Amino acid sequence: MILIREISPETLRLLNRIYRSSKKHQVRQRAQFFILLQQGYKIPKLSTIFSVTKPTLYNWINGWEQCGILGLYDKPGRGRNPTFTSEQEEQIYAWVQASPIQLNKVLAQIKEAWDITISKRTLKRLIKRLGMSWHRFRRTPAGRPLETEYQEKKLELEELERRDAAGEISLYYMDESGFGLIPCIPYGWQPIGQYVHLLSCMGKRLNVLGFLRKNLDFEVYVSEQTINSDVVINCIDTLFLDHSEPVFIVADNASIHTSNSIYFKSQEWAERGIHIFYLPTYSPHLNLIEKLWKFMKYYWIEIDAYKSWSSLVEYVERVLNGIGEEYKINFV
């Protein structure tokens, strides 16, 4: 096959670059076709290689003769016309946001509004093209902090973090969490059409009170009993009995952190160089230890831990003891 529009060495280099890097499969395929054609491959052989008919290859050649490199690309207007206009797609996007689980409701709205019937699979493809994906919802606080209080506290916390990094103070993040035989359901790789079933049952709860530094120094109290203000006081008195620099403990506004007993005790602690820094309301993301609990529940505790109570206790204690060595978080 002799091309009227010759393939110069410069054009051949461009074709090779297009073949390696173009995001469109058809363009890469056509670029490779002309590379092989230049190397002396015949049309019957190329028809087999690309699994297309000879007329299709001649159409590619005609596009090359007429437009050169531009002939590798489909002209605007080719292919099936879109089912929905841009305005309709915006409306579908809004409907999916309003009903993110019930796609059947969205299909009914499409049918009612425009008398268009599509399958759920087609709707899912459209949703993905509109920039949505299927992933887990996230819990969020029920309210929002006061903006002025939030910004002031955030700046104060950043200053404490700076002083901690400079060795002027010891900054700890304090919080409680609980572990039971009702597991947090993580995502995981599973065979298509099959599901990994996690045992789930009501039962006892393992309660944990933790004190975490940004360098992953970690102190923890574990009990099957409820953690209350008295437990918090005893832990602080025990853990910080001897310290060389001021200690600041970051805490949320849970009732066990703001009770009268904590309030009166905080005056004594202040004289000993121990200070409680309360976060603004509805701001759990500012407490770094919350990220630790998340990693434990969703990533570090294996699904085998939920087979029995003794297995869960053993696994939780193993993870708690391994924080900073085997289990690490990069707080950026």
C-alpha atoms as a PDB file:
ATOM      1  CA  MET A   1       0.000   0.000   0.000  1.00  0.00           C
ATOM      2  CA  ILE A   2       1.523   3.349  -1.097  1.00  0.00           C
ATOM      3  CA  LEU A   3       0.277   6.441   0.704  1.00  0.00           C
ATOM      4  CA  ILE A   4      -0.112   9.660  -1.247  1.00  0.00           C
ATOM      5  CA  ARG A   5       0.603  11.580   1.970  1.00  0.00           C
ATOM      6  CA  GLU A   6       4.032  10.224   2.907  1.00  0.00           C
ATOM      7  CA  ILE A   7       5.069   9.464   6.473  1.00  0.00           C
ATOM      8  CA  SER A   8       8.255  11.405   7.133  1.00  0.00           C
ATOM      9  CA  PRO A   9      10.625  10.489  10.025  1.00  0.00           C
ATOM     10  CA  GLU A  10       9.245  13.442  12.017  1.00  0.00           C
ATOM     11  CA  THR A  11       5.673  12.288  11.413  1.00  0.00           C
ATOM     12  CA  LEU A  12       6.622   8.735  12.367  1.00  0.00           C
ATOM     13  CA  ARG A  13       8.037   9.963  15.681  1.00  0.00           C
ATOM     14  CA  LEU A  14       4.799  11.856  16.289  1.00  0.00           C
ATOM     15  CA  LEU A  15       2.758   8.736  15.507  1.00  0.00           C
ATOM     16  CA  ASN A  16       4.841   6.733  17.992  1.00  0.00           C
ATOM     17  CA  ARG A  17       4.253   9.375  20.669  1.00  0.00           C
ATOM     18  CA  ILE A  18       0.505   9.368  19.981  1.00  0.00           C
ATOM     19  CA  TYR A  19       0.457   5.568  20.071  1.00  0.00           C
ATOM     20  CA  ARG A  20       2.157   5.525  23.490  1.00  0.00           C
ATOM     21  CA  SER A  21       0.358   8.380  25.224  1.00  0.00           C
ATOM     22  CA  SER A  22      -3.053   9.128  23.700  1.00  0.00           C
ATOM     23  CA  LYS A  23      -5.943   8.616  26.109  1.00  0.00           C
ATOM     24  CA  LYS A  24      -8.263   7.470  23.290  1.00  0.00           C
ATOM     25  CA  HIS A  25      -8.070   3.833  22.290  1.00  0.00           C
ATOM     26  CA  GLN A  26      -9.197   4.432  18.699  1.00  0.00           C
ATOM     27  CA  VAL A  27      -6.528   7.091  18.153  1.00  0.00           C
ATOM     28  CA  ARG A  28      -3.789   4.810  19.525  1.00  0.00           C
ATOM     29  CA  GLN A  29      -5.066   1.983  17.326  1.00  0.00           C
ATOM     30  CA  ARG A  30      -4.988   4.086  14.161  1.00  0.00           C
ATOM     31  CA  ALA A  31      -1.550   5.485  14.976  1.00  0.00           C
ATOM     32  CA  GLN A  32      -0.237   1.929  15.387  1.00  0.00           C
ATOM     33  CA  PHE A  33      -1.863   0.973  12.091  1.00  0.00           C
ATOM     34  CA  PHE A  34       0.095   3.599  10.167  1.00  0.00           C
ATOM     35  CA  ILE A  35       3.304   2.693  11.999  1.00  0.00           C
ATOM     36  CA  LEU A  36       2.896  -0.946  10.906  1.00  0.00           C
ATOM     37  CA  LEU A  37       1.830   0.111   7.438  1.00  0.00           C
ATOM     38  CA  GLN A  38       5.053   2.100   7.142  1.00  0.00           C
ATOM     39  CA  GLN A  39       6.980  -1.000   8.209  1.00  0.00           C
ATOM     40  CA  GLY A  40       5.573  -2.943   5.255  1.00  0.00           C
ATOM     41  CA  TYR A  41       2.650  -4.849   6.743  1.00  0.00           C
ATOM     42  CA  LYS A  42      -0.066  -5.686   4.210  1.00  0.00           C
ATOM     43  CA  ILE A  43      -3.758  -4.865   4.530  1.00  0.00           C
ATOM     44  CA  PRO A  44      -4.938  -8.509   5.002  1.00  0.00           C
ATOM     45  CA  LYS A  45      -2.436  -8.982   7.842  1.00  0.00           C
ATOM     46  CA  LEU A  46      -3.379  -5.659   9.447  1.00  0.00           C
ATOM     47  CA  SER A  47      -7.059  -6.551   9.218  1.00  0.00           C
ATOM     48  CA  THR A  48      -6.299  -9.635  11.320  1.00  0.00           C
ATOM     49  CA  ILE A  49      -4.105  -7.757  13.801  1.00  0.00           C
ATOM     50  CA  PHE A  50      -6.716  -5.073  14.512  1.00  0.00           C
ATOM     51  CA  SER A  51      -9.773  -7.342  14.123  1.00  0.00           C
ATOM     52  CA  VAL A  52     -11.473  -4.924  11.719  1.00  0.00           C
ATOM     53  CA  THR A  53     -12.647  -5.255   8.139  1.00  0.00           C
ATOM     54  CA  LYS A  54     -10.637  -4.122   5.140  1.00  0.00           C
ATOM     55  CA  PRO A  55     -13.128  -1.332   4.319  1.00  0.00           C
ATOM     56  CA  THR A  56     -12.541   0.073   7.797  1.00  0.00           C
ATOM     57  CA  LEU A  57      -8.791   0.161   7.181  1.00  0.00           C
ATOM     58  CA  TYR A  58      -9.345   1.916   3.854  1.00  0.00           C
ATOM     59  CA  ASN A  59     -11.497   4.486   5.671  1.00  0.00           C
ATOM     60  CA  TRP A  60      -8.562   5.114   8.018  1.00  0.00           C
ATOM     61  CA  ILE A  61      -6.303   5.572   5.011  1.00  0.00           C
ATOM     62  CA  ASN A  62      -8.754   7.995   3.371  1.00  0.00           C
ATOM     63  CA  GLY A  63      -8.851  10.020   6.588  1.00  0.00           C
ATOM     64  CA  TRP A  64      -5.053  10.122   6.600  1.00  0.00           C
ATOM     65  CA  GLU A  65      -4.860  11.211   2.959  1.00  0.00           C
ATOM     66  CA  GLN A  66      -7.370  13.997   3.531  1.00  0.00           C
ATOM     67  CA  CYS A  67      -6.330  15.295   6.943  1.00  0.00           C
ATOM     68  CA  GLY A  68      -3.000  13.772   7.934  1.00  0.00           C
ATOM     69  CA  ILE A  69      -2.563  13.441  11.727  1.00  0.00           C
ATOM     70  CA  LEU A  70      -6.014  14.959  12.268  1.00  0.00           C
ATOM     71  CA  GLY A  71      -7.444  11.999  10.380  1.00  0.00           C
ATOM     72  CA  LEU A  72      -6.654   9.807  13.371  1.00  0.00           C
ATOM     73  CA  TYR A  73      -9.401  11.543  15.331  1.00  0.00           C
ATOM     74  CA  ASP A  74     -13.141  11.165  14.865  1.00  0.00           C
ATOM     75  CA  LYS A  75     -14.883  14.212  13.514  1.00  0.00           C
ATOM     76  CA  PRO A  76     -17.396  15.989  15.780  1.00  0.00           C
ATOM     77  CA  GLY A  77     -20.901  14.651  15.459  1.00  0.00           C
ATOM     78  CA  ARG A  78     -19.976  11.045  14.919  1.00  0.00           C
ATOM     79  CA  GLY A  79     -21.455   8.397  17.163  1.00  0.00           C
ATOM     80  CA  ARG A  80     -24.778   8.157  18.919  1.00  0.00           C
ATOM     81  CA  ASN A  81     -26.425  11.378  20.029  1.00  0.00           C
ATOM     82  CA  PRO A  82     -26.451  11.863  23.826  1.00  0.00           C
ATOM     83  CA  THR A  83     -29.608  10.733  25.605  1.00  0.00           C
ATOM     84  CA  PHE A  84     -29.722  13.795  27.860  1.00  0.00           C
ATOM     85  CA  THR A  85     -28.969  17.456  27.406  1.00  0.00           C
ATOM     86  CA  SER A  86     -26.549  19.210  29.723  1.00  0.00           C
ATOM     87  CA  GLU A  87     -29.498  20.766  31.587  1.00  0.00           C
ATOM     88  CA  GLN A  88     -31.080  17.348  32.059  1.00  0.00           C
ATOM     89  CA  GLU A  89     -27.795  15.921  33.334  1.00  0.00           C
ATOM     90  CA  GLU A  90     -27.588  18.725  35.897  1.00  0.00           C
ATOM     91  CA  GLN A  91     -31.098  17.845  37.055  1.00  0.00           C
ATOM     92  CA  ILE A  92     -30.196  14.143  37.285  1.00  0.00           C
ATOM     93  CA  TYR A  93     -27.130  15.095  39.340  1.00  0.00           C
ATOM     94  CA  ALA A  94     -29.393  16.980  41.760  1.00  0.00           C
ATOM     95  CA  TRP A  95     -31.849  14.065  41.970  1.00  0.00           C
ATOM     96  CA  VAL A  96     -29.049  11.615  42.764  1.00  0.00           C
ATOM     97  CA  GLN A  97     -27.756  13.930  45.486  1.00  0.00           C
ATOM     98  CA  ALA A  98     -31.246  14.003  46.989  1.00  0.00           C
ATOM     99  CA  SER A  99     -31.624  10.187  46.715  1.00  0.00           C
ATOM    100  CA  PRO A 100     -28.065   8.794  46.800  1.00  0.00           C
ATOM    101  CA  ILE A 101     -29.201   5.231  47.573  1.00  0.00           C
ATOM    102  CA  GLN A 102     -32.588   4.860  45.832  1.00  0.00           C
ATOM    103  CA  LEU A 103     -31.702   4.984  42.134  1.00  0.00           C
ATOM    104  CA  ASN A 104     -35.110   3.517  41.274  1.00  0.00           C
ATOM    105  CA  LYS A 105     -36.599   6.805  42.474  1.00  0.00           C
ATOM    106  CA  VAL A 106     -34.280   8.714  40.126  1.00  0.00           C
ATOM    107  CA  LEU A 107     -35.277   6.447  37.226  1.00  0.00           C
ATOM    108  CA  ALA A 108     -38.948   7.190  37.974  1.00  0.00           C
ATOM    109  CA  GLN A 109     -38.252  10.928  38.048  1.00  0.00           C
ATOM    110  CA  ILE A 110     -36.507  10.730  34.664  1.00  0.00           C
ATOM    111  CA  LYS A 111     -39.464   8.841  33.221  1.00  0.00           C
ATOM    112  CA  GLU A 112     -42.000  11.266  34.662  1.00  0.00           C
ATOM    113  CA  ALA A 113     -40.135  14.433  33.682  1.00  0.00           C
ATOM    114  CA  TRP A 114     -39.003  13.559  30.132  1.00  0.00           C
ATOM    115  CA  ASP A 115     -40.650  10.225  29.260  1.00  0.00           C
ATOM    116  CA  ILE A 116     -37.200   8.649  28.864  1.00  0.00           C
ATOM    117  CA  THR A 117     -36.641   5.076  29.984  1.00  0.00           C
ATOM    118  CA  ILE A 118     -33.102   3.926  30.758  1.00  0.00           C
ATOM    119  CA  SER A 119     -31.687   0.995  32.701  1.00  0.00           C
ATOM    120  CA  LYS A 120     -30.116   1.295  36.119  1.00  0.00           C
ATOM    121  CA  ARG A 121     -26.772   0.295  34.573  1.00  0.00           C
ATOM    122  CA  THR A 122     -26.987   3.201  32.136  1.00  0.00           C
ATOM    123  CA  LEU A 123     -27.849   5.547  34.983  1.00  0.00           C
ATOM    124  CA  LYS A 124     -24.817   4.343  36.950  1.00  0.00           C
ATOM    125  CA  ARG A 125     -22.542   5.023  33.969  1.00  0.00           C
ATOM    126  CA  LEU A 126     -23.994   8.523  33.700  1.00  0.00           C
ATOM    127  CA  ILE A 127     -23.544   9.129  37.425  1.00  0.00           C
ATOM    128  CA  LYS A 128     -19.870   8.114  37.232  1.00  0.00           C
ATOM    129  CA  ARG A 129     -19.345  10.401  34.249  1.00  0.00           C
ATOM    130  CA  LEU A 130     -20.874  13.252  36.265  1.00  0.00           C
ATOM    131  CA  GLY A 131     -18.182  12.798  38.905  1.00  0.00           C
ATOM    132  CA  MET A 132     -19.884  10.599  41.497  1.00  0.00           C
ATOM    133  CA  SER A 133     -18.694   7.303  42.947  1.00  0.00           C
ATOM    134  CA  TRP A 134     -20.106   4.683  45.307  1.00  0.00           C
ATOM    135  CA  HIS A 135     -18.361   4.964  48.684  1.00  0.00           C
ATOM    136  CA  ARG A 136     -19.117   5.020  52.364  1.00  0.00           C
ATOM    137  CA  PHE A 137     -21.049   7.854  53.997  1.00  0.00           C
ATOM    138  CA  ARG A 138     -19.304   9.650  56.841  1.00  0.00           C
ATOM    139  CA  ARG A 139     -20.704  10.561  60.206  1.00  0.00           C
ATOM    140  CA  THR A 140     -20.544  14.225  61.070  1.00  0.00           C
ATOM    141  CA  PRO A 141     -21.304  16.249  64.213  1.00  0.00           C
ATOM    142  CA  ALA A 142     -24.902  17.350  64.637  1.00  0.00           C
ATOM    143  CA  GLY A 143     -23.974  21.030  64.777  1.00  0.00           C
ATOM    144  CA  ARG A 144     -21.348  23.526  63.772  1.00  0.00           C
ATOM    145  CA  PRO A 145     -18.970  25.423  66.068  1.00  0.00           C
ATOM    146  CA  LEU A 146     -19.162  29.164  66.442  1.00  0.00           C
ATOM    147  CA  GLU A 147     -16.807  30.520  63.814  1.00  0.00           C
ATOM    148  CA  THR A 148     -15.027  33.027  66.071  1.00  0.00           C
ATOM    149  CA  GLU A 149     -14.530  30.464  68.842  1.00  0.00           C
ATOM    150  CA  TYR A 150     -13.380  27.856  66.349  1.00  0.00           C
ATOM    151  CA  GLN A 151     -10.751  30.100  64.760  1.00  0.00           C
ATOM    152  CA  GLU A 152      -9.437  31.287  68.138  1.00  0.00           C
ATOM    153  CA  LYS A 153      -9.153  27.750  69.497  1.00  0.00           C
ATOM    154  CA  LYS A 154      -7.573  26.495  66.291  1.00  0.00           C
ATOM    155  CA  LEU A 155      -4.860  29.168  66.479  1.00  0.00           C
ATOM    156  CA  GLU A 156      -4.256  28.393  70.161  1.00  0.00           C
ATOM    157  CA  LEU A 157      -3.930  24.686  69.352  1.00  0.00           C
ATOM    158  CA  GLU A 158      -1.460  25.414  66.543  1.00  0.00           C
ATOM    159  CA  GLU A 159       0.635  27.429  69.010  1.00  0.00           C
ATOM    160  CA  LEU A 160       0.569  24.530  71.482  1.00  0.00           C
ATOM    161  CA  GLU A 161       1.692  22.172  68.722  1.00  0.00           C
ATOM    162  CA  ARG A 162       4.558  24.529  67.885  1.00  0.00           C
ATOM    163  CA  ARG A 163       5.657  24.670  71.523  1.00  0.00           C
ATOM    164  CA  ASP A 164       5.388  20.892  71.782  1.00  0.00           C
ATOM    165  CA  ALA A 165       7.601  20.440  68.718  1.00  0.00           C
ATOM    166  CA  ALA A 166      10.125  22.853  70.258  1.00  0.00           C
ATOM    167  CA  GLY A 167      10.202  20.825  73.495  1.00  0.00           C
ATOM    168  CA  GLU A 168       8.729  23.604  75.613  1.00  0.00           C
ATOM    169  CA  ILE A 169       5.644  21.595  76.651  1.00  0.00           C
ATOM    170  CA  SER A 170       4.195  18.099  76.393  1.00  0.00           C
ATOM    171  CA  LEU A 171       0.970  18.084  74.387  1.00  0.00           C
ATOM    172  CA  TYR A 172      -1.391  15.109  74.703  1.00  0.00           C
ATOM    173  CA  TYR A 173      -4.673  14.377  72.926  1.00  0.00           C
ATOM    174  CA  MET A 174      -7.176  12.623  75.198  1.00  0.00           C
ATOM    175  CA  ASP A 175     -10.320  10.729  74.276  1.00  0.00           C
ATOM    176  CA  GLU A 176     -12.309   7.577  74.972  1.00  0.00           C
ATOM    177  CA  SER A 177     -13.434   4.869  72.596  1.00  0.00           C
ATOM    178  CA  GLY A 178     -15.170   1.508  72.830  1.00  0.00           C
ATOM    179  CA  PHE A 179     -14.820  -1.854  71.104  1.00  0.00           C
ATOM    180  CA  GLY A 180     -17.485  -4.528  70.935  1.00  0.00           C
ATOM    181  CA  LEU A 181     -18.498  -7.571  68.924  1.00  0.00           C
ATOM    182  CA  ILE A 182     -20.580  -5.428  66.588  1.00  0.00           C
ATOM    183  CA  PRO A 183     -17.787  -4.635  64.114  1.00  0.00           C
ATOM    184  CA  CYS A 184     -17.269  -1.493  62.098  1.00  0.00           C
ATOM    185  CA  ILE A 185     -17.881  -2.616  58.528  1.00  0.00           C
ATOM    186  CA  PRO A 186     -14.859  -1.774  56.383  1.00  0.00           C
ATOM    187  CA  TYR A 187     -14.474  -2.048  52.636  1.00  0.00           C
ATOM    188  CA  GLY A 188     -12.365  -5.019  51.435  1.00  0.00           C
ATOM    189  CA  TRP A 189     -11.567  -7.044  48.328  1.00  0.00           C
ATOM    190  CA  GLN A 190     -14.061  -9.840  47.805  1.00  0.00           C
ATOM    191  CA  PRO A 191     -14.841 -12.176  44.878  1.00  0.00           C
ATOM    192  CA  ILE A 192     -17.499 -10.733  42.593  1.00  0.00           C
ATOM    193  CA  GLY A 193     -20.911 -11.978  43.678  1.00  0.00           C
ATOM    194  CA  GLN A 194     -19.608 -13.227  47.034  1.00  0.00           C
ATOM    195  CA  TYR A 195     -19.460 -11.500  50.396  1.00  0.00           C
ATOM    196  CA  VAL A 196     -17.277 -11.847  53.463  1.00  0.00           C
ATOM    197  CA  HIS A 197     -19.666 -12.147  56.410  1.00  0.00           C
ATOM    198  CA  LEU A 198     -18.614 -10.629  59.733  1.00  0.00           C
ATOM    199  CA  LEU A 199     -20.052 -12.130  62.902  1.00  0.00           C
ATOM    200  CA  SER A 200     -22.012  -9.565  64.856  1.00  0.00           C
ATOM    201  CA  CYS A 201     -23.650  -9.885  68.247  1.00  0.00           C
ATOM    202  CA  MET A 202     -24.521  -7.807  71.267  1.00  0.00           C
ATOM    203  CA  GLY A 203     -22.280  -8.263  74.264  1.00  0.00           C
ATOM    204  CA  LYS A 204     -19.722  -6.661  76.483  1.00  0.00           C
ATOM    205  CA  ARG A 205     -17.824  -3.518  75.562  1.00  0.00           C
ATOM    206  CA  LEU A 206     -14.128  -2.869  76.019  1.00  0.00           C
ATOM    207  CA  ASN A 207     -13.630   0.778  76.942  1.00  0.00           C
ATOM    208  CA  VAL A 208     -10.376   2.601  76.287  1.00  0.00           C
ATOM    209  CA  LEU A 209      -9.102   5.944  77.573  1.00  0.00           C
ATOM    210  CA  GLY A 210      -6.092   7.135  75.617  1.00  0.00           C
ATOM    211  CA  PHE A 211      -3.502   9.915  75.831  1.00  0.00           C
ATOM    212  CA  LEU A 212      -1.661  10.380  72.534  1.00  0.00           C
ATOM    213  CA  ARG A 213       1.227  12.621  71.530  1.00  0.00           C
ATOM    214  CA  LYS A 214       1.959  13.573  67.945  1.00  0.00           C
ATOM    215  CA  ASN A 215       5.174  11.543  68.033  1.00  0.00           C
ATOM    216  CA  LEU A 216       2.986   8.493  68.871  1.00  0.00           C
ATOM    217  CA  ASP A 217       3.956   8.302  72.528  1.00  0.00           C
ATOM    218  CA  PHE A 218       0.811   6.656  73.838  1.00  0.00           C
ATOM    219  CA  GLU A 219      -0.628   6.009  77.289  1.00  0.00           C
ATOM    220  CA  VAL A 220      -3.796   4.001  77.647  1.00  0.00           C
ATOM    221  CA  TYR A 221      -6.250   2.722  80.237  1.00  0.00           C
ATOM    222  CA  VAL A 222      -8.414  -0.284  79.283  1.00  0.00           C
ATOM    223  CA  SER A 223     -11.427  -1.571  81.220  1.00  0.00           C
ATOM    224  CA  GLU A 224     -14.718  -3.358  80.772  1.00  0.00           C
ATOM    225  CA  GLN A 225     -16.202  -0.857  83.215  1.00  0.00           C
ATOM    226  CA  THR A 226     -17.666   2.494  82.212  1.00  0.00           C
ATOM    227  CA  ILE A 227     -15.154   5.316  81.957  1.00  0.00           C
ATOM    228  CA  ASN A 228     -16.339   8.305  83.991  1.00  0.00           C
ATOM    229  CA  SER A 229     -14.839  11.485  85.417  1.00  0.00           C
ATOM    230  CA  ASP A 230     -13.293   9.626  88.360  1.00  0.00           C
ATOM    231  CA  VAL A 231     -11.413   7.342  85.966  1.00  0.00           C
ATOM    232  CA  VAL A 232     -10.183  10.343  83.977  1.00  0.00           C
ATOM    233  CA  ILE A 233      -8.966  12.061  87.152  1.00  0.00           C
ATOM    234  CA  ASN A 234      -7.179   8.946  88.418  1.00  0.00           C
ATOM    235  CA  CYS A 235      -5.479   8.402  85.059  1.00  0.00           C
ATOM    236  CA  ILE A 236      -4.258  11.993  84.818  1.00  0.00           C
ATOM    237  CA  ASP A 237      -3.005  11.931  88.413  1.00  0.00           C
ATOM    238  CA  THR A 238      -1.166   8.664  87.795  1.00  0.00           C
ATOM    239  CA  LEU A 239       0.268   9.337  84.332  1.00  0.00           C
ATOM    240  CA  PHE A 240       1.479  12.857  85.031  1.00  0.00           C
ATOM    241  CA  LEU A 241       2.693  12.425  88.571  1.00  0.00           C
ATOM    242  CA  ASP A 242       6.216  13.413  87.533  1.00  0.00           C
ATOM    243  CA  HIS A 243       6.922  15.650  84.550  1.00  0.00           C
ATOM    244  CA  SER A 244       9.673  18.142  83.755  1.00  0.00           C
ATOM    245  CA  GLU A 245       7.747  20.531  81.484  1.00  0.00           C
ATOM    246  CA  PRO A 246       4.174  21.842  81.454  1.00  0.00           C
ATOM    247  CA  VAL A 247       1.579  19.341  80.234  1.00  0.00           C
ATOM    248  CA  PHE A 248      -1.382  20.324  78.065  1.00  0.00           C
ATOM    249  CA  ILE A 249      -4.164  17.796  77.488  1.00  0.00           C
ATOM    250  CA  VAL A 250      -6.506  18.341  74.544  1.00  0.00           C
ATOM    251  CA  ALA A 251     -10.067  17.237  75.302  1.00  0.00           C
ATOM    252  CA  ASP A 252     -13.518  17.585  73.812  1.00  0.00           C
ATOM    253  CA  ASN A 253     -16.575  18.828  75.669  1.00  0.00           C
ATOM    254  CA  ALA A 254     -17.964  15.439  76.707  1.00  0.00           C
ATOM    255  CA  SER A 255     -19.695  15.502  80.085  1.00  0.00           C
ATOM    256  CA  ILE A 256     -17.020  13.368  81.741  1.00  0.00           C
ATOM    257  CA  HIS A 257     -14.439  16.018  80.753  1.00  0.00           C
ATOM    258  CA  THR A 258     -16.460  19.014  81.962  1.00  0.00           C
ATOM    259  CA  SER A 259     -18.017  17.699  85.185  1.00  0.00           C
ATOM    260  CA  ASN A 260     -17.748  19.537  88.491  1.00  0.00           C
ATOM    261  CA  SER A 261     -15.157  17.077  89.770  1.00  0.00           C
ATOM    262  CA  ILE A 262     -12.962  17.774  86.720  1.00  0.00           C
ATOM    263  CA  TYR A 263     -13.497  21.521  87.136  1.00  0.00           C
ATOM    264  CA  PHE A 264     -12.364  21.550  90.775  1.00  0.00           C
ATOM    265  CA  LYS A 265      -9.495  19.151  90.044  1.00  0.00           C
ATOM    266  CA  SER A 266      -8.251  21.312  87.165  1.00  0.00           C
ATOM    267  CA  GLN A 267      -7.341  24.060  89.628  1.00  0.00           C
ATOM    268  CA  GLU A 268      -5.028  21.668  91.459  1.00  0.00           C
ATOM    269  CA  TRP A 269      -3.623  20.381  88.170  1.00  0.00           C
ATOM    270  CA  ALA A 270      -2.839  23.932  87.025  1.00  0.00           C
ATOM    271  CA  GLU A 271      -0.668  24.417  90.112  1.00  0.00           C
ATOM    272  CA  ARG A 272       1.204  21.245  89.122  1.00  0.00           C
ATOM    273  CA  GLY A 273       1.661  22.426  85.520  1.00  0.00           C
ATOM    274  CA  ILE A 274      -1.134  20.280  84.023  1.00  0.00           C
ATOM    275  CA  HIS A 275      -3.661  22.124  81.885  1.00  0.00           C
ATOM    276  CA  ILE A 276      -6.812  20.961  80.053  1.00  0.00           C
ATOM    277  CA  PHE A 277      -7.273  22.566  76.629  1.00  0.00           C
ATOM    278  CA  TYR A 278     -10.910  22.270  75.586  1.00  0.00           C
ATOM    279  CA  LEU A 279     -11.674  22.096  71.882  1.00  0.00           C
ATOM    280  CA  PRO A 280     -14.505  24.138  70.388  1.00  0.00           C
ATOM    281  CA  THR A 281     -17.835  22.327  70.200  1.00  0.00           C
ATOM    282  CA  TYR A 282     -18.521  20.064  67.197  1.00  0.00           C
ATOM    283  CA  SER A 283     -14.816  19.873  66.268  1.00  0.00           C
ATOM    284  CA  PRO A 284     -13.691  16.247  66.752  1.00  0.00           C
ATOM    285  CA  HIS A 285     -11.371  16.518  63.732  1.00  0.00           C
ATOM    286  CA  LEU A 286      -9.051  18.742  65.767  1.00  0.00           C
ATOM    287  CA  ASN A 287      -8.377  15.897  68.197  1.00  0.00           C
ATOM    288  CA  LEU A 288      -5.650  13.732  66.639  1.00  0.00           C
ATOM    289  CA  ILE A 289      -6.534  10.695  68.717  1.00  0.00           C
ATOM    290  CA  GLU A 290      -9.823  10.434  66.787  1.00  0.00           C
ATOM    291  CA  LYS A 291      -7.737   9.433  63.777  1.00  0.00           C
ATOM    292  CA  LEU A 292      -6.097   6.714  65.861  1.00  0.00           C
ATOM    293  CA  TRP A 293      -9.483   5.216  66.806  1.00  0.00           C
ATOM    294  CA  LYS A 294     -10.500   5.271  63.137  1.00  0.00           C
ATOM    295  CA  PHE A 295      -7.377   3.417  62.045  1.00  0.00           C
ATOM    296  CA  MET A 296      -7.857   0.831  64.759  1.00  0.00           C
ATOM    297  CA  LYS A 297     -11.485   0.109  63.931  1.00  0.00           C
ATOM    298  CA  TYR A 298     -11.301   0.194  60.144  1.00  0.00           C
ATOM    299  CA  TYR A 299      -7.750  -0.865  59.254  1.00  0.00           C
ATOM    300  CA  TRP A 300      -5.712  -2.412  62.061  1.00  0.00           C
ATOM    301  CA  ILE A 301      -8.144  -4.788  63.755  1.00  0.00           C
ATOM    302  CA  GLU A 302      -8.574  -7.808  61.475  1.00  0.00           C
ATOM    303  CA  ILE A 303     -11.970  -9.383  60.894  1.00  0.00           C
ATOM    304  CA  ASP A 304     -10.864 -12.543  62.761  1.00  0.00           C
ATOM    305  CA  ALA A 305     -10.838 -10.474  65.953  1.00  0.00           C
ATOM    306  CA  TYR A 306     -14.647 -10.479  66.041  1.00  0.00           C
ATOM    307  CA  LYS A 307     -14.982 -14.259  66.335  1.00  0.00           C
ATOM    308  CA  SER A 308     -15.188 -14.107  70.129  1.00  0.00           C
ATOM    309  CA  TRP A 309     -14.899 -11.717  73.051  1.00  0.00           C
ATOM    310  CA  SER A 310     -11.507 -13.097  74.119  1.00  0.00           C
ATOM    311  CA  SER A 311     -10.211 -12.763  70.556  1.00  0.00           C
ATOM    312  CA  LEU A 312     -11.362  -9.148  70.364  1.00  0.00           C
ATOM    313  CA  VAL A 313      -9.773  -8.234  73.725  1.00  0.00           C
ATOM    314  CA  GLU A 314      -6.506  -9.893  72.702  1.00  0.00           C
ATOM    315  CA  TYR A 315      -6.425  -8.094  69.366  1.00  0.00           C
ATOM    316  CA  VAL A 316      -7.300  -4.665  70.791  1.00  0.00           C
ATOM    317  CA  GLU A 317      -4.576  -4.980  73.420  1.00  0.00           C
ATOM    318  CA  ARG A 318      -2.067  -6.126  70.802  1.00  0.00           C
ATOM    319  CA  VAL A 319      -2.776  -3.086  68.635  1.00  0.00           C
ATOM    320  CA  LEU A 320      -2.688  -0.705  71.598  1.00  0.00           C
ATOM    321  CA  ASN A 321       0.683  -2.083  72.690  1.00  0.00           C
ATOM    322  CA  GLY A 322       2.054  -1.825  69.141  1.00  0.00           C
ATOM    323  CA  ILE A 323       1.185   1.809  68.481  1.00  0.00           C
ATOM    324  CA  GLY A 324       4.314   3.748  67.577  1.00  0.00           C
ATOM    325  CA  GLU A 325       6.205   0.635  66.497  1.00  0.00           C
ATOM    326  CA  GLU A 326       4.141  -1.811  64.438  1.00  0.00           C
ATOM    327  CA  TYR A 327       1.175   0.532  64.012  1.00  0.00           C
ATOM    328  CA  LYS A 328       2.011   4.048  62.873  1.00  0.00           C
ATOM    329  CA  ILE A 329       0.195   7.152  61.659  1.00  0.00           C
ATOM    330  CA  ASN A 330       1.788  10.061  59.855  1.00  0.00           C
ATOM    331  CA  PHE A 331       0.056  13.164  61.212  1.00  0.00           C
ATOM    332  CA  VAL A 332       0.548  15.744  58.464  1.00  0.00           C
END
